[in-house]
Structure formats: C-alpha cells, structure tokens
Protein backbone atom coordinates (compact mmCIF):
# COMPACT_ATOMS: atom_id res chain seq x y z
CA MET A 1 0.16 -0.13 0.07
CA ALA A 2 2.55 2.39 0.49
CA ARG A 3 4.78 1.97 -2.97
CA ILE A 4 1.50 3.48 -4.57
CA ARG A 5 0.92 5.87 -2.23
CA ILE A 6 4.79 6.75 -3.20
CA ALA A 7 3.98 6.32 -6.59
CA ALA A 8 0.51 8.73 -6.30
CA THR A 9 2.93 11.56 -4.93
CA GLY A 10 5.43 11.12 -7.26
CA VAL A 11 2.04 11.45 -9.97
CA ILE A 12 1.23 14.47 -8.36
CA VAL A 13 4.25 16.36 -8.12
CA ALA A 14 5.25 15.44 -12.24
CA GLY A 15 1.92 17.26 -12.47
CA ILE A 16 2.39 20.27 -10.43
CA LEU A 17 5.20 21.03 -12.23
CA THR A 18 4.28 20.94 -15.61
CA LEU A 19 1.32 23.25 -15.19
CA PRO A 20 2.96 26.82 -15.42
CA ALA A 21 4.38 25.30 -18.98
CA ALA A 22 1.29 24.07 -20.37
CA GLY A 23 0.85 27.75 -20.03
CA THR A 24 3.89 28.98 -21.93
CA SER A 25 4.12 29.43 -25.71
CA ALA A 26 6.90 29.81 -28.50
CA GLN A 27 8.16 33.39 -28.75
CA THR A 28 8.37 34.81 -31.89
CA GLN A 29 11.55 37.13 -33.96
CA PRO A 30 10.99 40.32 -34.17
CA PRO A 31 10.46 41.76 -37.78
CA ALA A 32 14.00 42.84 -38.43
CA VAL A 33 15.31 39.30 -37.84
CA ARG A 34 13.29 37.49 -39.91
CA THR A 35 13.75 39.29 -42.93
CA ALA A 36 18.19 39.41 -42.35
CA GLN A 37 17.88 35.65 -42.71
CA ALA A 38 18.94 33.69 -45.84
CA SER A 39 15.92 32.45 -47.74
CA GLN A 40 15.99 29.43 -49.88
CA PRO A 41 15.05 29.90 -53.46
CA GLU A 42 11.42 28.86 -54.00
CA ALA A 43 10.89 26.81 -57.05
CA GLU A 44 8.66 26.98 -59.91
CA GLU A 45 6.01 25.52 -59.94
CA GLY A 46 5.32 23.08 -63.09
CA SER A 47 9.74 22.27 -62.78
CA THR A 48 11.65 19.21 -61.30
CA PRO A 49 13.96 20.27 -58.79
CA ARG A 50 17.65 20.01 -59.89
CA ARG A 51 19.14 16.32 -59.03
CA ILE A 52 22.79 16.36 -58.79
CA ARG A 53 24.99 13.37 -60.09
CA ARG A 54 27.73 12.32 -57.71
CA PRO A 55 30.79 10.89 -59.71
CA PRO A 56 30.56 6.47 -58.86
CA THR A 57 32.25 5.67 -55.35
CA ARG A 58 36.21 4.89 -56.31
CA LEU A 59 37.28 1.11 -54.36
CA ARG A 60 41.02 0.50 -54.39
CA VAL A 61 41.60 -2.86 -54.09
CA TYR A 62 45.37 -4.05 -52.80
CA PRO A 63 46.58 -7.80 -53.74
CA SER A 64 45.97 -9.84 -50.01
CA PHE A 65 49.48 -10.85 -48.88
CA GLN A 66 49.06 -14.64 -46.87
CA ALA A 67 52.35 -16.49 -45.99
CA GLU A 68 52.73 -19.62 -47.38
CA PRO A 69 52.09 -22.90 -45.31
CA ASP A 70 55.33 -22.76 -45.01
CA GLY A 71 55.12 -19.28 -43.32
CA VAL A 72 58.03 -17.70 -44.76
CA TYR A 73 56.47 -13.80 -46.45
CA PRO A 74 57.72 -12.21 -49.14
CA ARG A 75 57.29 -15.20 -51.68
CA TYR A 76 60.80 -14.62 -53.90
CA PHE A 77 63.74 -16.61 -54.89
CA PRO A 78 66.75 -14.57 -53.40
CA GLY A 79 69.20 -16.57 -55.63
CA GLY A 80 71.35 -20.08 -56.02
CA ASN A 81 74.22 -19.33 -53.26
CA ALA A 82 72.00 -17.27 -50.53
CA VAL A 83 72.08 -16.69 -47.25
CA ARG A 84 69.38 -15.20 -44.95
CA VAL A 85 71.35 -13.01 -42.20
CA CYS A 86 69.46 -12.08 -38.74
CA ASN A 87 69.88 -9.38 -36.18
CA VAL A 88 68.73 -10.49 -32.97
CA SER A 89 68.19 -7.17 -30.10
CA TYR A 90 66.22 -6.82 -27.06
CA VAL A 91 64.29 -3.96 -27.41
CA GLN A 92 62.27 -1.74 -24.68
CA GLU A 93 58.53 -0.97 -25.09
CA PHE A 94 56.43 1.49 -22.89
CA ARG A 95 53.07 -0.63 -22.38
CA PRO A 96 50.35 0.48 -19.91
CA SER A 97 51.21 -1.79 -17.42
CA GLY A 98 54.80 -0.83 -17.68
CA THR A 99 58.38 -0.86 -19.77
CA VAL A 100 59.15 -4.02 -21.07
CA ILE A 101 61.71 -6.04 -22.79
CA THR A 102 61.51 -7.50 -25.24
CA PRO A 103 63.52 -9.71 -28.44
CA HIS A 104 62.93 -7.80 -31.53
CA MET A 105 64.86 -10.11 -34.70
CA HIS A 106 65.27 -9.34 -38.07
CA CYS A 107 66.51 -10.60 -41.45
CA VAL A 108 67.73 -9.72 -44.37
CA TRP A 109 68.89 -12.33 -47.60
CA ARG A 110 72.40 -12.00 -48.80
CA PRO A 111 74.14 -13.37 -51.58
CA GLY A 112 76.55 -16.29 -50.54
C-alpha cells in the first residue's frame, strides 16, 4: 500500500511541475531579424528540382598478402647461394602495464 501512495505522490508532483510549462508559448522573432535570415529560393511550379550527380565511388583494391603454409613471406627467389642473416636485439617497449624488454629480430637475404 505504501508503494501505491509513493507512486501517486510522484504523479501528483510531476503534474504540478508541468502546469506552469503548459501556459507558456514560444517567443517569435522581431520582423527585422526574420528578414535578415537567408531565404530559400522558391521553385517555380511545374519545374523539377535539380539533381546533383555524384561521380561513382572509386574502390581501391590491394592484393592480399598472406604467408604460405611454411610461414615465409615475401615469397621470392633470392638467388642460388643466398644466406639469410638475422639481427636480434632487445628493445624497450612502453606499455600501459609498464616498461618491458622484448626481443626483436630483423632478417635479410645476403648473397652467399
């Protein structure tokens, strides 16, 4: 029963608060302000509105670079006696959880 009284009281308070707002009306602008605003050109009767044609959307298509099943990318032939030379170093990385040291490896093909 107490919940019904609280709900009824809430409805009454909301109704009382909206009463002053019901009697108000919107203000109109003075005529000088109304004429200073930009006006839309009136279309003549019988004429159709002009349609602006956009150029067709251009989509750029890039080749999908995926590693082969053996995991080597890019796939090219470096030569008969080529040797893969790798440089490994430790690098500091600044992460939100804190600074960490991670190994980084950079490999290139050199003629053998």
